[in-house]
Amino acid sequence: MLITHDTRCALDTVVDLVNTAPEDETTPEGLPDVAALAEFVRNHEISDVGVLSEFDLAAVRKIRGRFAGIFAAQDVRTAAGMINELVAAAGTTPRLTDHDGYDWHVHYFAPGASVADHLAADCGMALAFFVVAGERERLRRCEAPDCRRAFVDLSRNRSRRYCDSRTCGNRLHVAAYRARRREATTG
């Protein structure tokens, strides 16, 4: 599957956005205030965003939950319906642009759109491309028992199981190794 630069950026953004949600009541909110939202916008180089407000924060948290639902959808038809709703509500207005040193690419948000509509349109379309390409199963949640972070599996054979092989993957492999060693020495 060919993934363009802007689609890859949108995928990274939607994964990072979904992962800002608290996993449970013991984990902190990743977007606790407008300053954190502004930092998220800066870190992801989201263009054409004006002054952010509490309204923007609430709207972004709302679409974050809708994106999380797409990652959790039981089937492609459900995911497609959720993506369609997100993109339609954002007032999608595709247009070609070349800005900030990037070559021509497509923005799907309307000029002057809120940050929530911007994210819903661009990230929603990136996820739509995965559905169209028959790759929806690449939108995953980490299989580590104590982690449910979202990620996009871009491995060739679609075999990635953990959000980060260096942390979740290694931790589980080490635990399994130690359990086998314990069993070998006691059995």
N, C-alpha and C. Protein backbone atom coordinates (compact mmCIF):
# COMPACT_ATOMS: atom_id res chain seq x y z
N MET A 1 0.84 -1.18 0.00
CA MET A 1 0.00 0.00 0.00
C MET A 1 0.89 1.24 0.00
N LEU A 2 0.64 2.13 -0.92
CA LEU A 2 1.39 3.38 -1.00
C LEU A 2 0.77 4.38 -0.02
N ILE A 3 1.60 4.89 0.86
CA ILE A 3 1.14 5.87 1.85
C ILE A 3 1.90 7.16 1.60
N THR A 4 1.18 8.20 1.22
CA THR A 4 1.82 9.48 0.95
C THR A 4 2.25 10.14 2.27
N HIS A 5 3.12 11.13 2.15
CA HIS A 5 3.63 11.84 3.33
C HIS A 5 2.49 12.41 4.17
N ASP A 6 1.53 13.09 3.53
CA ASP A 6 0.46 13.71 4.30
C ASP A 6 -0.45 12.68 4.95
N THR A 7 -0.65 11.53 4.29
CA THR A 7 -1.45 10.47 4.89
C THR A 7 -0.71 9.89 6.09
N ARG A 8 0.59 9.70 5.96
CA ARG A 8 1.38 9.17 7.08
C ARG A 8 1.35 10.14 8.26
N CYS A 9 1.46 11.42 7.98
CA CYS A 9 1.40 12.42 9.06
C CYS A 9 0.03 12.38 9.74
N ALA A 10 -1.04 12.26 8.95
CA ALA A 10 -2.39 12.19 9.52
C ALA A 10 -2.56 10.92 10.35
N LEU A 11 -2.00 9.80 9.88
CA LEU A 11 -2.08 8.56 10.66
C LEU A 11 -1.34 8.69 11.98
N ASP A 12 -0.14 9.26 11.94
CA ASP A 12 0.62 9.48 13.17
C ASP A 12 -0.16 10.39 14.12
N THR A 13 -0.79 11.40 13.57
CA THR A 13 -1.56 12.35 14.38
C THR A 13 -2.75 11.66 15.03
N VAL A 14 -3.51 10.88 14.26
CA VAL A 14 -4.70 10.25 14.83
C VAL A 14 -4.31 9.22 15.89
N VAL A 15 -3.24 8.49 15.68
CA VAL A 15 -2.77 7.53 16.68
C VAL A 15 -2.36 8.27 17.95
N ASP A 16 -1.59 9.33 17.80
CA ASP A 16 -1.17 10.10 18.97
C ASP A 16 -2.37 10.74 19.68
N LEU A 17 -3.34 11.19 18.90
CA LEU A 17 -4.54 11.78 19.50
C LEU A 17 -5.31 10.74 20.31
N VAL A 18 -5.56 9.59 19.72
CA VAL A 18 -6.27 8.52 20.43
C VAL A 18 -5.52 8.15 21.70
N ASN A 19 -4.21 8.13 21.63
CA ASN A 19 -3.40 7.72 22.78
C ASN A 19 -3.29 8.80 23.86
N THR A 20 -3.86 9.98 23.64
CA THR A 20 -3.89 10.98 24.71
C THR A 20 -5.03 10.71 25.69
N ALA A 21 -5.97 9.87 25.31
CA ALA A 21 -7.10 9.57 26.20
C ALA A 21 -6.64 8.72 27.37
N PRO A 22 -7.15 9.00 28.55
CA PRO A 22 -6.79 8.15 29.69
C PRO A 22 -7.30 6.74 29.46
N GLU A 23 -6.45 5.74 29.75
CA GLU A 23 -6.87 4.35 29.57
C GLU A 23 -7.88 3.94 30.63
N ASP A 24 -7.76 4.51 31.82
CA ASP A 24 -8.69 4.23 32.92
C ASP A 24 -8.62 5.41 33.88
N GLU A 25 -9.29 5.26 35.02
CA GLU A 25 -9.33 6.38 35.97
C GLU A 25 -8.00 6.65 36.67
N THR A 26 -7.02 5.75 36.50
CA THR A 26 -5.72 5.96 37.14
C THR A 26 -4.69 6.63 36.23
N THR A 27 -4.97 6.69 34.95
CA THR A 27 -4.01 7.31 34.03
C THR A 27 -4.42 8.75 33.75
N PRO A 28 -3.45 9.62 33.58
CA PRO A 28 -3.76 11.04 33.39
C PRO A 28 -4.30 11.35 32.00
N GLU A 29 -5.05 12.40 31.92
CA GLU A 29 -5.56 12.94 30.67
C GLU A 29 -4.38 13.50 29.88
N GLY A 30 -4.23 13.07 28.63
CA GLY A 30 -3.13 13.55 27.80
C GLY A 30 -3.34 14.94 27.23
N LEU A 31 -4.58 15.40 27.23
CA LEU A 31 -4.90 16.76 26.80
C LEU A 31 -5.65 17.45 27.94
N PRO A 32 -4.94 17.77 29.02
CA PRO A 32 -5.61 18.31 30.20
C PRO A 32 -6.10 19.75 30.07
N ASP A 33 -5.50 20.50 29.14
CA ASP A 33 -5.87 21.92 29.03
C ASP A 33 -5.54 22.43 27.63
N VAL A 34 -5.89 23.68 27.41
CA VAL A 34 -5.68 24.30 26.09
C VAL A 34 -4.20 24.37 25.76
N ALA A 35 -3.36 24.57 26.74
CA ALA A 35 -1.90 24.62 26.48
C ALA A 35 -1.41 23.28 25.94
N ALA A 36 -1.92 22.19 26.49
CA ALA A 36 -1.54 20.86 26.01
C ALA A 36 -2.04 20.64 24.58
N LEU A 37 -3.23 21.12 24.28
CA LEU A 37 -3.76 21.02 22.91
C LEU A 37 -2.89 21.84 21.97
N ALA A 38 -2.49 23.04 22.39
CA ALA A 38 -1.62 23.87 21.55
C ALA A 38 -0.29 23.17 21.30
N GLU A 39 0.25 22.51 22.31
CA GLU A 39 1.50 21.77 22.13
C GLU A 39 1.29 20.59 21.16
N PHE A 40 0.16 19.90 21.28
CA PHE A 40 -0.15 18.81 20.35
C PHE A 40 -0.20 19.33 18.92
N VAL A 41 -0.86 20.45 18.72
CA VAL A 41 -0.97 21.07 17.39
C VAL A 41 0.42 21.42 16.86
N ARG A 42 1.25 22.01 17.70
CA ARG A 42 2.63 22.38 17.30
C ARG A 42 3.46 21.13 16.97
N ASN A 43 3.42 20.15 17.85
CA ASN A 43 4.23 18.94 17.66
C ASN A 43 3.85 18.18 16.39
N HIS A 44 2.60 18.27 16.00
CA HIS A 44 2.14 17.56 14.80
C HIS A 44 2.07 18.46 13.58
N GLU A 45 2.58 19.68 13.73
CA GLU A 45 2.64 20.65 12.63
C GLU A 45 1.30 20.78 11.91
N ILE A 46 0.23 20.90 12.70
CA ILE A 46 -1.11 21.05 12.13
C ILE A 46 -1.25 22.50 11.68
N SER A 47 -1.46 22.68 10.40
CA SER A 47 -1.47 24.03 9.82
C SER A 47 -2.86 24.65 9.89
N ASP A 48 -2.89 25.96 9.67
CA ASP A 48 -4.14 26.72 9.58
C ASP A 48 -5.00 26.61 10.84
N VAL A 49 -4.36 26.61 12.01
CA VAL A 49 -5.10 26.58 13.26
C VAL A 49 -4.97 27.94 13.92
N GLY A 50 -6.10 28.52 14.26
CA GLY A 50 -6.08 29.83 14.90
C GLY A 50 -5.85 29.72 16.40
N VAL A 51 -6.32 30.70 17.12
CA VAL A 51 -6.21 30.72 18.58
C VAL A 51 -7.13 29.64 19.15
N LEU A 52 -6.57 28.82 20.02
CA LEU A 52 -7.33 27.71 20.60
C LEU A 52 -8.04 28.13 21.87
N SER A 53 -9.17 27.45 22.14
CA SER A 53 -9.99 27.79 23.31
C SER A 53 -10.45 26.52 24.01
N GLU A 54 -11.14 26.70 25.11
CA GLU A 54 -11.74 25.57 25.83
C GLU A 54 -12.73 24.83 24.93
N PHE A 55 -13.43 25.57 24.09
CA PHE A 55 -14.36 24.96 23.14
C PHE A 55 -13.60 23.99 22.22
N ASP A 56 -12.45 24.42 21.72
CA ASP A 56 -11.63 23.56 20.85
C ASP A 56 -11.19 22.31 21.60
N LEU A 57 -10.77 22.48 22.84
CA LEU A 57 -10.33 21.35 23.66
C LEU A 57 -11.45 20.33 23.81
N ALA A 58 -12.63 20.79 24.14
CA ALA A 58 -13.78 19.88 24.30
C ALA A 58 -14.11 19.19 22.98
N ALA A 59 -14.06 19.93 21.89
CA ALA A 59 -14.38 19.35 20.58
C ALA A 59 -13.34 18.32 20.16
N VAL A 60 -12.07 18.59 20.42
CA VAL A 60 -11.02 17.64 20.07
C VAL A 60 -11.14 16.38 20.93
N ARG A 61 -11.44 16.54 22.20
CA ARG A 61 -11.64 15.35 23.04
C ARG A 61 -12.81 14.52 22.54
N LYS A 62 -13.85 15.17 22.06
CA LYS A 62 -15.02 14.45 21.54
C LYS A 62 -14.65 13.63 20.29
N ILE A 63 -13.95 14.26 19.35
CA ILE A 63 -13.60 13.49 18.15
C ILE A 63 -12.55 12.43 18.47
N ARG A 64 -11.72 12.68 19.48
CA ARG A 64 -10.76 11.66 19.92
C ARG A 64 -11.50 10.39 20.30
N GLY A 65 -12.59 10.53 21.01
CA GLY A 65 -13.40 9.37 21.37
C GLY A 65 -14.00 8.69 20.15
N ARG A 66 -14.37 9.47 19.17
CA ARG A 66 -14.92 8.88 17.94
C ARG A 66 -13.84 8.14 17.16
N PHE A 67 -12.62 8.69 17.13
CA PHE A 67 -11.52 7.98 16.49
C PHE A 67 -11.19 6.69 17.24
N ALA A 68 -11.23 6.74 18.56
CA ALA A 68 -10.99 5.53 19.35
C ALA A 68 -12.01 4.46 18.99
N GLY A 69 -13.24 4.87 18.74
CA GLY A 69 -14.28 3.93 18.33
C GLY A 69 -13.96 3.25 17.01
N ILE A 70 -13.31 3.96 16.11
CA ILE A 70 -12.92 3.38 14.82
C ILE A 70 -11.88 2.29 15.03
N PHE A 71 -10.91 2.55 15.90
CA PHE A 71 -9.90 1.53 16.20
C PHE A 71 -10.52 0.31 16.88
N ALA A 72 -11.61 0.52 17.61
CA ALA A 72 -12.26 -0.58 18.35
C ALA A 72 -13.38 -1.24 17.56
N ALA A 73 -13.72 -0.72 16.39
CA ALA A 73 -14.84 -1.25 15.62
C ALA A 73 -14.67 -2.74 15.34
N GLN A 74 -15.76 -3.47 15.46
CA GLN A 74 -15.72 -4.92 15.29
C GLN A 74 -15.58 -5.35 13.83
N ASP A 75 -16.00 -4.51 12.91
CA ASP A 75 -15.91 -4.90 11.51
C ASP A 75 -15.71 -3.66 10.63
N VAL A 76 -15.38 -3.92 9.39
CA VAL A 76 -15.05 -2.83 8.46
C VAL A 76 -16.28 -1.96 8.16
N ARG A 77 -17.45 -2.55 8.09
CA ARG A 77 -18.66 -1.77 7.80
C ARG A 77 -18.93 -0.75 8.92
N THR A 78 -18.76 -1.18 10.15
CA THR A 78 -18.95 -0.28 11.29
C THR A 78 -17.90 0.83 11.25
N ALA A 79 -16.64 0.48 11.02
CA ALA A 79 -15.57 1.48 10.95
C ALA A 79 -15.85 2.47 9.82
N ALA A 80 -16.27 1.96 8.66
CA ALA A 80 -16.55 2.83 7.51
C ALA A 80 -17.67 3.81 7.84
N GLY A 81 -18.71 3.34 8.49
CA GLY A 81 -19.81 4.22 8.88
C GLY A 81 -19.35 5.31 9.83
N MET A 82 -18.50 4.94 10.78
CA MET A 82 -17.98 5.92 11.74
C MET A 82 -17.11 6.96 11.05
N ILE A 83 -16.28 6.50 10.12
CA ILE A 83 -15.41 7.42 9.37
C ILE A 83 -16.27 8.36 8.53
N ASN A 84 -17.28 7.82 7.86
CA ASN A 84 -18.17 8.65 7.04
C ASN A 84 -18.82 9.75 7.88
N GLU A 85 -19.29 9.39 9.06
CA GLU A 85 -19.93 10.38 9.94
C GLU A 85 -18.96 11.48 10.35
N LEU A 86 -17.75 11.08 10.73
CA LEU A 86 -16.73 12.06 11.15
C LEU A 86 -16.39 13.03 10.03
N VAL A 87 -16.13 12.48 8.85
CA VAL A 87 -15.70 13.29 7.71
C VAL A 87 -16.83 14.21 7.25
N ALA A 88 -18.06 13.69 7.22
CA ALA A 88 -19.20 14.50 6.80
C ALA A 88 -19.46 15.64 7.77
N ALA A 89 -19.38 15.35 9.07
CA ALA A 89 -19.62 16.38 10.08
C ALA A 89 -18.56 17.47 10.04
N ALA A 90 -17.38 17.14 9.55
CA ALA A 90 -16.28 18.12 9.48
C ALA A 90 -16.43 19.08 8.32
N GLY A 91 -17.40 18.84 7.43
CA GLY A 91 -17.56 19.73 6.28
C GLY A 91 -16.37 19.65 5.35
N THR A 92 -16.01 18.46 4.96
CA THR A 92 -14.83 18.20 4.16
C THR A 92 -14.84 19.02 2.87
N THR A 93 -13.71 19.68 2.61
CA THR A 93 -13.53 20.48 1.41
C THR A 93 -12.14 20.22 0.85
N PRO A 94 -11.97 19.17 0.05
CA PRO A 94 -10.63 18.85 -0.46
C PRO A 94 -10.05 19.99 -1.30
N ARG A 95 -8.76 20.24 -1.07
CA ARG A 95 -8.08 21.26 -1.89
C ARG A 95 -6.59 20.96 -1.91
N LEU A 96 -5.97 21.23 -3.04
CA LEU A 96 -4.53 21.06 -3.19
C LEU A 96 -3.80 22.24 -2.58
N THR A 97 -2.68 21.96 -1.93
CA THR A 97 -1.90 23.01 -1.32
C THR A 97 -0.42 22.61 -1.28
N ASP A 98 0.43 23.60 -1.31
CA ASP A 98 1.87 23.39 -1.10
C ASP A 98 2.33 24.49 -0.15
N HIS A 99 2.64 24.13 1.04
CA HIS A 99 3.00 25.11 2.06
C HIS A 99 4.12 24.59 2.94
N ASP A 100 4.76 25.50 3.61
CA ASP A 100 5.79 25.18 4.61
C ASP A 100 6.85 24.21 4.09
N GLY A 101 7.21 24.33 2.82
CA GLY A 101 8.27 23.51 2.26
C GLY A 101 7.82 22.13 1.79
N TYR A 102 6.54 21.82 1.91
CA TYR A 102 6.03 20.52 1.45
C TYR A 102 5.51 20.66 0.02
N ASP A 103 5.71 19.62 -0.76
CA ASP A 103 5.22 19.61 -2.13
C ASP A 103 3.69 19.55 -2.11
N TRP A 104 3.09 19.47 -3.28
CA TRP A 104 1.63 19.44 -3.40
C TRP A 104 1.05 18.25 -2.64
N HIS A 105 0.01 18.55 -1.90
CA HIS A 105 -0.72 17.52 -1.17
C HIS A 105 -2.16 18.02 -0.97
N VAL A 106 -3.01 17.15 -0.47
CA VAL A 106 -4.42 17.49 -0.31
C VAL A 106 -4.73 17.74 1.16
N HIS A 107 -5.38 18.87 1.41
CA HIS A 107 -6.01 19.12 2.71
C HIS A 107 -7.49 18.86 2.52
N TYR A 108 -8.09 18.22 3.48
CA TYR A 108 -9.51 17.88 3.37
C TYR A 108 -10.39 18.81 4.20
N PHE A 109 -9.79 19.60 5.07
CA PHE A 109 -10.57 20.51 5.90
C PHE A 109 -10.83 21.82 5.17
N ALA A 110 -11.94 22.45 5.49
CA ALA A 110 -12.29 23.73 4.89
C ALA A 110 -11.39 24.82 5.44
N PRO A 111 -11.05 25.82 4.63
CA PRO A 111 -10.27 26.95 5.16
C PRO A 111 -10.99 27.57 6.35
N GLY A 112 -10.23 27.85 7.40
CA GLY A 112 -10.81 28.44 8.60
C GLY A 112 -11.52 27.44 9.51
N ALA A 113 -11.40 26.14 9.21
CA ALA A 113 -12.06 25.12 10.04
C ALA A 113 -11.46 25.09 11.44
N SER A 114 -12.27 24.65 12.38
CA SER A 114 -11.76 24.48 13.75
C SER A 114 -10.72 23.36 13.75
N VAL A 115 -9.94 23.31 14.81
CA VAL A 115 -8.92 22.26 14.91
C VAL A 115 -9.60 20.88 14.95
N ALA A 116 -10.75 20.77 15.57
CA ALA A 116 -11.45 19.49 15.63
C ALA A 116 -11.92 19.06 14.24
N ASP A 117 -12.48 20.00 13.47
CA ASP A 117 -12.91 19.67 12.11
C ASP A 117 -11.71 19.36 11.22
N HIS A 118 -10.62 20.09 11.44
CA HIS A 118 -9.38 19.83 10.70
C HIS A 118 -8.92 18.39 10.95
N LEU A 119 -8.85 17.99 12.21
CA LEU A 119 -8.43 16.63 12.55
C LEU A 119 -9.41 15.60 12.03
N ALA A 120 -10.71 15.87 12.19
CA ALA A 120 -11.72 14.91 11.73
C ALA A 120 -11.61 14.69 10.23
N ALA A 121 -11.41 15.77 9.47
CA ALA A 121 -11.35 15.66 8.01
C ALA A 121 -10.06 14.97 7.56
N ASP A 122 -8.90 15.51 7.95
CA ASP A 122 -7.64 14.95 7.46
C ASP A 122 -7.36 13.55 8.01
N CYS A 123 -7.55 13.37 9.29
CA CYS A 123 -7.29 12.05 9.88
C CYS A 123 -8.36 11.05 9.46
N GLY A 124 -9.60 11.53 9.36
CA GLY A 124 -10.68 10.65 8.89
C GLY A 124 -10.41 10.15 7.48
N MET A 125 -9.92 11.02 6.61
CA MET A 125 -9.62 10.59 5.25
C MET A 125 -8.44 9.62 5.22
N ALA A 126 -7.45 9.83 6.06
CA ALA A 126 -6.32 8.90 6.12
C ALA A 126 -6.82 7.50 6.51
N LEU A 127 -7.72 7.45 7.48
CA LEU A 127 -8.29 6.15 7.88
C LEU A 127 -9.18 5.58 6.77
N ALA A 128 -9.87 6.47 6.05
CA ALA A 128 -10.71 6.02 4.93
C ALA A 128 -9.86 5.34 3.86
N PHE A 129 -8.67 5.86 3.61
CA PHE A 129 -7.79 5.24 2.62
C PHE A 129 -7.46 3.80 3.01
N PHE A 130 -7.28 3.56 4.30
CA PHE A 130 -6.99 2.20 4.77
C PHE A 130 -8.18 1.28 4.55
N VAL A 131 -9.38 1.78 4.78
CA VAL A 131 -10.58 0.97 4.54
C VAL A 131 -10.70 0.66 3.06
N VAL A 132 -10.53 1.67 2.21
CA VAL A 132 -10.64 1.48 0.76
C VAL A 132 -9.60 0.47 0.26
N ALA A 133 -8.42 0.50 0.82
CA ALA A 133 -7.34 -0.40 0.39
C ALA A 133 -7.50 -1.80 1.00
N GLY A 134 -8.54 -2.02 1.78
CA GLY A 134 -8.73 -3.32 2.40
C GLY A 134 -7.75 -3.58 3.53
N GLU A 135 -7.27 -2.53 4.16
CA GLU A 135 -6.23 -2.64 5.19
C GLU A 135 -6.72 -2.20 6.57
N ARG A 136 -8.01 -2.19 6.81
CA ARG A 136 -8.55 -1.72 8.07
C ARG A 136 -8.01 -2.49 9.27
N GLU A 137 -7.68 -3.77 9.07
CA GLU A 137 -7.16 -4.57 10.19
C GLU A 137 -5.81 -4.08 10.68
N ARG A 138 -5.19 -3.17 9.94
CA ARG A 138 -3.92 -2.60 10.39
C ARG A 138 -4.11 -1.56 11.49
N LEU A 139 -5.33 -1.12 11.71
CA LEU A 139 -5.63 -0.17 12.79
C LEU A 139 -5.85 -1.01 14.04
N ARG A 140 -4.91 -0.97 14.95
CA ARG A 140 -4.90 -1.92 16.07
C ARG A 140 -4.74 -1.26 17.41
N ARG A 141 -4.93 -2.10 18.42
CA ARG A 141 -4.63 -1.76 19.81
C ARG A 141 -3.55 -2.72 20.29
N CYS A 142 -2.68 -2.23 21.14
CA CYS A 142 -1.58 -3.04 21.67
C CYS A 142 -2.14 -4.27 22.38
N GLU A 143 -1.50 -5.42 22.17
CA GLU A 143 -1.95 -6.67 22.78
C GLU A 143 -1.33 -6.93 24.15
N ALA A 144 -0.46 -6.04 24.62
CA ALA A 144 0.08 -6.21 25.97
C ALA A 144 -1.07 -6.08 26.96
N PRO A 145 -1.12 -6.97 27.95
CA PRO A 145 -2.27 -6.98 28.87
C PRO A 145 -2.49 -5.66 29.61
N ASP A 146 -1.45 -4.92 29.87
CA ASP A 146 -1.59 -3.68 30.63
C ASP A 146 -1.48 -2.43 29.74
N CYS A 147 -1.68 -2.60 28.43
CA CYS A 147 -1.57 -1.49 27.49
C CYS A 147 -2.64 -1.64 26.41
N ARG A 148 -3.32 -0.56 26.11
CA ARG A 148 -4.33 -0.58 25.05
C ARG A 148 -4.08 0.56 24.07
N ARG A 149 -2.82 0.99 23.94
CA ARG A 149 -2.50 2.09 23.04
C ARG A 149 -2.82 1.72 21.60
N ALA A 150 -3.26 2.70 20.83
CA ALA A 150 -3.55 2.50 19.42
C ALA A 150 -2.25 2.58 18.61
N PHE A 151 -2.24 1.89 17.48
CA PHE A 151 -1.14 2.02 16.53
C PHE A 151 -1.61 1.55 15.16
N VAL A 152 -0.86 1.91 14.14
CA VAL A 152 -1.13 1.44 12.78
C VAL A 152 -0.01 0.47 12.43
N ASP A 153 -0.38 -0.76 12.13
CA ASP A 153 0.59 -1.79 11.78
C ASP A 153 1.01 -1.61 10.33
N LEU A 154 2.21 -1.10 10.13
CA LEU A 154 2.72 -0.91 8.77
C LEU A 154 3.76 -1.97 8.41
N SER A 155 3.81 -3.06 9.19
CA SER A 155 4.75 -4.13 8.86
C SER A 155 4.29 -4.83 7.58
N ARG A 156 5.24 -5.42 6.87
CA ARG A 156 4.91 -6.08 5.60
C ARG A 156 3.88 -7.19 5.76
N ASN A 157 4.05 -7.99 6.80
CA ASN A 157 3.18 -9.16 6.95
C ASN A 157 2.05 -8.95 7.96
N ARG A 158 1.79 -7.71 8.33
CA ARG A 158 0.70 -7.37 9.24
C ARG A 158 0.79 -8.12 10.57
N SER A 159 2.00 -8.27 11.09
CA SER A 159 2.19 -9.11 12.27
C SER A 159 2.49 -8.34 13.55
N ARG A 160 2.53 -7.04 13.48
CA ARG A 160 2.87 -6.26 14.68
C ARG A 160 1.76 -6.42 15.71
N ARG A 161 2.16 -6.68 16.96
CA ARG A 161 1.19 -6.92 18.02
C ARG A 161 1.22 -5.87 19.12
N TYR A 162 2.32 -5.12 19.19
CA TYR A 162 2.50 -4.19 20.30
C TYR A 162 2.70 -2.77 19.79
N CYS A 163 2.29 -1.81 20.60
CA CYS A 163 2.43 -0.41 20.21
C CYS A 163 3.89 -0.02 20.05
N ASP A 164 4.74 -0.62 20.86
CA ASP A 164 6.17 -0.33 20.80
C ASP A 164 6.92 -1.61 21.17
N SER A 165 7.64 -2.16 20.23
CA SER A 165 8.33 -3.42 20.48
C SER A 165 9.42 -3.27 21.52
N ARG A 166 9.96 -2.06 21.69
CA ARG A 166 11.03 -1.86 22.68
C ARG A 166 10.49 -1.84 24.10
N THR A 167 9.25 -1.46 24.29
CA THR A 167 8.72 -1.43 25.65
C THR A 167 7.76 -2.59 25.88
N CYS A 168 6.58 -2.51 25.30
CA CYS A 168 5.58 -3.56 25.54
C CYS A 168 6.06 -4.92 25.05
N GLY A 169 6.58 -4.99 23.85
CA GLY A 169 7.03 -6.26 23.29
C GLY A 169 8.16 -6.87 24.10
N ASN A 170 9.20 -6.09 24.37
CA ASN A 170 10.33 -6.61 25.15
C ASN A 170 9.92 -7.02 26.55
N ARG A 171 9.09 -6.22 27.19
CA ARG A 171 8.65 -6.52 28.54
C ARG A 171 7.94 -7.87 28.59
N LEU A 172 7.07 -8.13 27.62
CA LEU A 172 6.34 -9.40 27.59
C LEU A 172 7.26 -10.56 27.23
N HIS A 173 8.20 -10.33 26.32
CA HIS A 173 9.14 -11.39 25.96
C HIS A 173 10.04 -11.75 27.14
N VAL A 174 10.49 -10.74 27.87
CA VAL A 174 11.33 -11.00 29.05
C VAL A 174 10.53 -11.74 30.11
N ALA A 175 9.29 -11.35 30.33
CA ALA A 175 8.45 -12.03 31.32
C ALA A 175 8.22 -13.49 30.93
N ALA A 176 7.98 -13.74 29.65
CA ALA A 176 7.77 -15.12 29.19
C ALA A 176 9.05 -15.93 29.34
N TYR A 177 10.19 -15.32 29.02
CA TYR A 177 11.48 -15.99 29.17
C TYR A 177 11.72 -16.36 30.63
N ARG A 178 11.49 -15.42 31.52
CA ARG A 178 11.69 -15.69 32.94
C ARG A 178 10.76 -16.78 33.45
N ALA A 179 9.53 -16.77 32.97
CA ALA A 179 8.58 -17.81 33.38
C ALA A 179 9.06 -19.18 32.88
N ARG A 180 9.57 -19.25 31.66
CA ARG A 180 10.07 -20.53 31.15
C ARG A 180 11.29 -20.99 31.95
N ARG A 181 12.16 -20.06 32.30
CA ARG A 181 13.34 -20.39 33.09
C ARG A 181 12.95 -20.92 34.47
N ARG A 182 11.98 -20.25 35.12
CA ARG A 182 11.49 -20.68 36.42
C ARG A 182 10.91 -22.09 36.33
N GLU A 183 10.12 -22.31 35.29
CA GLU A 183 9.51 -23.62 35.10
C GLU A 183 10.56 -24.69 34.84
N ALA A 184 11.59 -24.36 34.09
CA ALA A 184 12.65 -25.32 33.78
C ALA A 184 13.45 -25.68 35.04
N THR A 185 13.64 -24.73 35.93
CA THR A 185 14.42 -24.99 37.13
C THR A 185 13.60 -25.67 38.23
N THR A 186 12.29 -25.48 38.21
CA THR A 186 11.43 -26.11 39.24
C THR A 186 10.83 -27.41 38.73
N GLY A 187 10.80 -27.61 37.45
CA GLY A 187 10.14 -28.81 36.91
C GLY A 187 11.05 -29.81 36.42
